[in-house]
Amino acid sequence: MAKDKTPVTAAIRQLRQAGVSFTGHPYAYEEKGGTAVSARELGVDEHQVIKTLIMEDENKKPLIVLMHGDRQVSTRELARVLGVKTIAPCAPEAANRHSGYLVGGTSPFGTKKAMPVYLEETILDLPRIYLNGGKRGFLVGLDPADVVRILKPTPVHVAI
């Protein structure tokens, strides 16, 4: 009997507790490789690999943005949609503190601090997505509907 290679992270615990059907995908992590590396290693389109970005407004209030791996976030448009002056990525130390994960292994599930989640609405058009499972070099594959059910994100159109 093969041993399950799924690491037990806060993200995996939340997914299991919610009864989500997901697949685990370990891969060889490369520092600063991003979604291009994980997509290549998994043999999937980078558009299906969703990055979890920890950002903050001008008052340092953190938030999570889920974005296609092959797209960027228009922080100007996101700030306009949210009715704030500015949105910027958090410094890695702040992102680690807010999420409880190391940058490069940040999952939107099981975060240390509850934060509002914003999801690029076109992610919902995909049949399956791959998100970080809470550890560098480990993604989970799941239905975007499960992300909506668990995280209750606000859909936005801020991709560039």
C-alpha atoms as a PDB file:
ATOM      1  CA  MET A   1       0.000   0.000   0.000  1.00  0.00           C
ATOM      2  CA  ALA A   2       1.475   3.357  -1.065  1.00  0.00           C
ATOM      3  CA  LYS A   3       1.896   6.003   1.586  1.00  0.00           C
ATOM      4  CA  ASP A   4      -0.089   9.203   1.015  1.00  0.00           C
ATOM      5  CA  LYS A   5       2.356  11.965   0.003  1.00  0.00           C
ATOM      6  CA  THR A   6      -0.030  14.782   0.912  1.00  0.00           C
ATOM      7  CA  PRO A   7       1.569  17.040   3.526  1.00  0.00           C
ATOM      8  CA  VAL A   8      -0.728  17.878   6.410  1.00  0.00           C
ATOM      9  CA  THR A   9      -0.936  21.664   6.335  1.00  0.00           C
ATOM     10  CA  ALA A  10      -3.588  24.024   7.678  1.00  0.00           C
ATOM     11  CA  ALA A  11      -4.899  24.232   4.095  1.00  0.00           C
ATOM     12  CA  ILE A  12      -5.240  20.452   3.766  1.00  0.00           C
ATOM     13  CA  ARG A  13      -6.943  20.239   7.157  1.00  0.00           C
ATOM     14  CA  GLN A  14      -9.494  22.880   6.091  1.00  0.00           C
ATOM     15  CA  LEU A  15     -10.153  21.146   2.757  1.00  0.00           C
ATOM     16  CA  ARG A  16     -10.638  17.767   4.430  1.00  0.00           C
ATOM     17  CA  GLN A  17     -12.873  19.246   7.135  1.00  0.00           C
ATOM     18  CA  ALA A  18     -15.045  20.831   4.416  1.00  0.00           C
ATOM     19  CA  GLY A  19     -15.296  17.517   2.558  1.00  0.00           C
ATOM     20  CA  VAL A  20     -13.614  18.847  -0.589  1.00  0.00           C
ATOM     21  CA  SER A  21     -12.563  16.351  -3.230  1.00  0.00           C
ATOM     22  CA  PHE A  22      -9.050  17.408  -4.231  1.00  0.00           C
ATOM     23  CA  THR A  23      -5.892  15.912  -5.693  1.00  0.00           C
ATOM     24  CA  GLY A  24      -2.392  16.528  -4.294  1.00  0.00           C
ATOM     25  CA  HIS A  25       0.407  17.499  -6.677  1.00  0.00           C
ATOM     26  CA  PRO A  26       3.935  17.660  -5.237  1.00  0.00           C
ATOM     27  CA  TYR A  27       6.570  19.107  -7.588  1.00  0.00           C
ATOM     28  CA  ALA A  28      10.203  20.237  -7.513  1.00  0.00           C
ATOM     29  CA  TYR A  29       9.997  23.785  -6.126  1.00  0.00           C
ATOM     30  CA  GLU A  30      12.299  26.388  -7.678  1.00  0.00           C
ATOM     31  CA  GLU A  31      13.010  29.641  -5.823  1.00  0.00           C
ATOM     32  CA  LYS A  32      11.329  32.526  -7.713  1.00  0.00           C
ATOM     33  CA  GLY A  33      10.040  30.053 -10.336  1.00  0.00           C
ATOM     34  CA  GLY A  34       6.404  30.943  -9.718  1.00  0.00           C
ATOM     35  CA  THR A  35       3.468  29.479 -11.558  1.00  0.00           C
ATOM     36  CA  ALA A  36       5.466  28.910 -14.764  1.00  0.00           C
ATOM     37  CA  VAL A  37       7.510  26.240 -12.958  1.00  0.00           C
ATOM     38  CA  SER A  38       4.570  24.598 -11.209  1.00  0.00           C
ATOM     39  CA  ALA A  39       2.532  24.527 -14.445  1.00  0.00           C
ATOM     40  CA  ARG A  40       5.470  22.986 -16.319  1.00  0.00           C
ATOM     41  CA  GLU A  41       6.072  20.406 -13.574  1.00  0.00           C
ATOM     42  CA  LEU A  42       2.381  19.438 -13.411  1.00  0.00           C
ATOM     43  CA  GLY A  43       1.930  19.504 -17.200  1.00  0.00           C
ATOM     44  CA  VAL A  44      -0.989  21.950 -17.065  1.00  0.00           C
ATOM     45  CA  ASP A  45      -1.696  25.336 -18.613  1.00  0.00           C
ATOM     46  CA  GLU A  46      -0.340  28.174 -16.449  1.00  0.00           C
ATOM     47  CA  HIS A  47      -3.768  29.834 -16.737  1.00  0.00           C
ATOM     48  CA  GLN A  48      -5.167  27.006 -14.521  1.00  0.00           C
ATOM     49  CA  VAL A  49      -2.520  27.510 -11.815  1.00  0.00           C
ATOM     50  CA  ILE A  50      -3.930  30.118  -9.453  1.00  0.00           C
ATOM     51  CA  LYS A  51      -1.595  32.253  -7.404  1.00  0.00           C
ATOM     52  CA  THR A  52      -2.510  33.376  -3.901  1.00  0.00           C
ATOM     53  CA  LEU A  53      -1.398  36.963  -3.405  1.00  0.00           C
ATOM     54  CA  ILE A  54      -1.409  38.697  -0.035  1.00  0.00           C
ATOM     55  CA  MET A  55      -1.908  42.412  -0.575  1.00  0.00           C
ATOM     56  CA  GLU A  56      -2.804  45.382   1.608  1.00  0.00           C
ATOM     57  CA  ASP A  57      -4.536  48.723   1.338  1.00  0.00           C
ATOM     58  CA  GLU A  58      -3.119  52.095   2.413  1.00  0.00           C
ATOM     59  CA  ASN A  59      -4.070  51.307   6.025  1.00  0.00           C
ATOM     60  CA  LYS A  60      -2.061  48.049   5.945  1.00  0.00           C
ATOM     61  CA  LYS A  61      -5.311  46.023   6.031  1.00  0.00           C
ATOM     62  CA  PRO A  62      -4.468  42.665   4.403  1.00  0.00           C
ATOM     63  CA  LEU A  63      -6.494  40.877   1.747  1.00  0.00           C
ATOM     64  CA  ILE A  64      -6.102  37.857  -0.512  1.00  0.00           C
ATOM     65  CA  VAL A  65      -6.287  38.018  -4.304  1.00  0.00           C
ATOM     66  CA  LEU A  66      -6.590  34.809  -6.340  1.00  0.00           C
ATOM     67  CA  MET A  67      -5.266  35.339  -9.863  1.00  0.00           C
ATOM     68  CA  HIS A  68      -4.434  33.227 -12.926  1.00  0.00           C
ATOM     69  CA  GLY A  69      -0.756  32.319 -13.003  1.00  0.00           C
ATOM     70  CA  ASP A  70      -0.278  33.911 -16.415  1.00  0.00           C
ATOM     71  CA  ARG A  71      -1.913  37.227 -15.462  1.00  0.00           C
ATOM     72  CA  GLN A  72      -1.103  40.157 -13.193  1.00  0.00           C
ATOM     73  CA  VAL A  73      -3.350  42.112 -10.836  1.00  0.00           C
ATOM     74  CA  SER A  74      -4.170  45.700 -11.743  1.00  0.00           C
ATOM     75  CA  THR A  75      -3.747  47.135  -8.256  1.00  0.00           C
ATOM     76  CA  ARG A  76      -5.145  50.445  -9.486  1.00  0.00           C
ATOM     77  CA  GLU A  77      -8.358  48.752 -10.694  1.00  0.00           C
ATOM     78  CA  LEU A  78      -8.618  46.638  -7.533  1.00  0.00           C
ATOM     79  CA  ALA A  79      -8.279  49.764  -5.354  1.00  0.00           C
ATOM     80  CA  ARG A  80     -11.012  51.453  -7.428  1.00  0.00           C
ATOM     81  CA  VAL A  81     -13.324  48.418  -7.080  1.00  0.00           C
ATOM     82  CA  LEU A  82     -12.721  48.258  -3.318  1.00  0.00           C
ATOM     83  CA  GLY A  83     -13.092  52.013  -2.827  1.00  0.00           C
ATOM     84  CA  VAL A  84      -9.644  52.495  -1.286  1.00  0.00           C
ATOM     85  CA  LYS A  85      -6.753  54.769  -2.250  1.00  0.00           C
ATOM     86  CA  THR A  86      -4.122  52.130  -2.915  1.00  0.00           C
ATOM     87  CA  ILE A  87      -3.521  48.383  -2.975  1.00  0.00           C
ATOM     88  CA  ALA A  88      -0.016  46.953  -2.974  1.00  0.00           C
ATOM     89  CA  PRO A  89       1.574  43.552  -2.453  1.00  0.00           C
ATOM     90  CA  CYS A  90       2.644  42.955   1.147  1.00  0.00           C
ATOM     91  CA  ALA A  91       6.329  42.637   1.958  1.00  0.00           C
ATOM     92  CA  PRO A  92       7.190  38.920   2.216  1.00  0.00           C
ATOM     93  CA  GLU A  93       7.554  39.128   6.022  1.00  0.00           C
ATOM     94  CA  ALA A  94       4.116  40.752   6.367  1.00  0.00           C
ATOM     95  CA  ALA A  95       2.549  38.225   3.964  1.00  0.00           C
ATOM     96  CA  ASN A  96       4.061  35.364   6.004  1.00  0.00           C
ATOM     97  CA  ARG A  97       2.740  36.907   9.230  1.00  0.00           C
ATOM     98  CA  HIS A  98      -0.799  37.418   7.882  1.00  0.00           C
ATOM     99  CA  SER A  99      -1.137  34.042   6.162  1.00  0.00           C
ATOM    100  CA  GLY A 100       0.938  31.787   8.401  1.00  0.00           C
ATOM    101  CA  TYR A 101       2.632  30.433   5.259  1.00  0.00           C
ATOM    102  CA  LEU A 102       5.983  31.137   3.618  1.00  0.00           C
ATOM    103  CA  VAL A 103       5.824  33.142   0.388  1.00  0.00           C
ATOM    104  CA  GLY A 104       5.936  30.570  -2.409  1.00  0.00           C
ATOM    105  CA  GLY A 105       3.792  28.238  -0.323  1.00  0.00           C
ATOM    106  CA  THR A 106       0.844  30.518   0.459  1.00  0.00           C
ATOM    107  CA  SER A 107      -2.579  28.914   0.310  1.00  0.00           C
ATOM    108  CA  PRO A 108      -5.867  30.807   0.560  1.00  0.00           C
ATOM    109  CA  PHE A 109      -7.102  27.974   2.801  1.00  0.00           C
ATOM    110  CA  GLY A 110      -6.277  27.712   6.489  1.00  0.00           C
ATOM    111  CA  THR A 111      -4.731  31.154   6.833  1.00  0.00           C
ATOM    112  CA  LYS A 112      -3.579  32.312  10.244  1.00  0.00           C
ATOM    113  CA  LYS A 113      -5.564  35.544   9.995  1.00  0.00           C
ATOM    114  CA  ALA A 114      -9.044  35.796   8.433  1.00  0.00           C
ATOM    115  CA  MET A 115      -8.810  38.102   5.416  1.00  0.00           C
ATOM    116  CA  PRO A 116     -11.270  39.076   2.694  1.00  0.00           C
ATOM    117  CA  VAL A 117     -10.709  37.074  -0.495  1.00  0.00           C
ATOM    118  CA  TYR A 118     -11.049  38.499  -4.014  1.00  0.00           C
ATOM    119  CA  LEU A 119     -11.124  36.115  -6.961  1.00  0.00           C
ATOM    120  CA  GLU A 120     -10.531  36.996 -10.604  1.00  0.00           C
ATOM    121  CA  GLU A 121     -13.977  36.123 -11.967  1.00  0.00           C
ATOM    122  CA  THR A 122     -12.683  34.278 -15.054  1.00  0.00           C
ATOM    123  CA  ILE A 123     -11.215  31.604 -12.731  1.00  0.00           C
ATOM    124  CA  LEU A 124     -14.814  30.412 -12.288  1.00  0.00           C
ATOM    125  CA  ASP A 125     -14.932  29.531 -16.010  1.00  0.00           C
ATOM    126  CA  LEU A 126     -12.290  26.827 -15.581  1.00  0.00           C
ATOM    127  CA  PRO A 127     -13.332  23.208 -14.936  1.00  0.00           C
ATOM    128  CA  ARG A 128     -10.368  22.574 -12.589  1.00  0.00           C
ATOM    129  CA  ILE A 129      -7.775  24.789 -10.945  1.00  0.00           C
ATOM    130  CA  TYR A 130      -4.523  24.251  -9.083  1.00  0.00           C
ATOM    131  CA  LEU A 131      -3.838  26.238  -5.915  1.00  0.00           C
ATOM    132  CA  ASN A 132      -1.060  26.115  -3.378  1.00  0.00           C
ATOM    133  CA  GLY A 133      -1.666  23.505  -0.696  1.00  0.00           C
ATOM    134  CA  GLY A 134       0.198  25.386   2.035  1.00  0.00           C
ATOM    135  CA  LYS A 135       3.750  24.261   1.314  1.00  0.00           C
ATOM    136  CA  ARG A 136       6.342  25.204  -1.273  1.00  0.00           C
ATOM    137  CA  GLY A 137       6.300  22.588  -4.019  1.00  0.00           C
ATOM    138  CA  PHE A 138       2.779  21.354  -3.361  1.00  0.00           C
ATOM    139  CA  LEU A 139      -0.422  22.259  -5.222  1.00  0.00           C
ATOM    140  CA  VAL A 140      -3.954  20.930  -4.870  1.00  0.00           C
ATOM    141  CA  GLY A 141      -6.270  20.428  -7.812  1.00  0.00           C
ATOM    142  CA  LEU A 142      -9.945  21.171  -7.229  1.00  0.00           C
ATOM    143  CA  ASP A 143     -13.159  22.514  -8.690  1.00  0.00           C
ATOM    144  CA  PRO A 144     -13.398  26.341  -8.488  1.00  0.00           C
ATOM    145  CA  ALA A 145     -16.898  25.894  -7.014  1.00  0.00           C
ATOM    146  CA  ASP A 146     -15.264  24.475  -3.872  1.00  0.00           C
ATOM    147  CA  VAL A 147     -13.158  27.631  -3.538  1.00  0.00           C
ATOM    148  CA  VAL A 148     -16.356  29.674  -3.689  1.00  0.00           C
ATOM    149  CA  ARG A 149     -18.131  27.412  -1.196  1.00  0.00           C
ATOM    150  CA  ILE A 150     -15.356  27.526   1.399  1.00  0.00           C
ATOM    151  CA  LEU A 151     -13.772  30.976   1.015  1.00  0.00           C
ATOM    152  CA  LYS A 152     -16.832  32.941  -0.178  1.00  0.00           C
ATOM    153  CA  PRO A 153     -14.643  35.230  -2.290  1.00  0.00           C
ATOM    154  CA  THR A 154     -15.796  38.425  -3.956  1.00  0.00           C
ATOM    155  CA  PRO A 155     -15.470  38.034  -7.751  1.00  0.00           C
ATOM    156  CA  VAL A 156     -13.589  40.909  -9.390  1.00  0.00           C
ATOM    157  CA  HIS A 157     -12.285  41.699 -12.865  1.00  0.00           C
ATOM    158  CA  VAL A 158      -8.777  43.064 -12.268  1.00  0.00           C
ATOM    159  CA  ALA A 159      -6.547  40.892 -14.485  1.00  0.00           C
ATOM    160  CA  ILE A 160      -4.069  42.450 -16.891  1.00  0.00           C
END
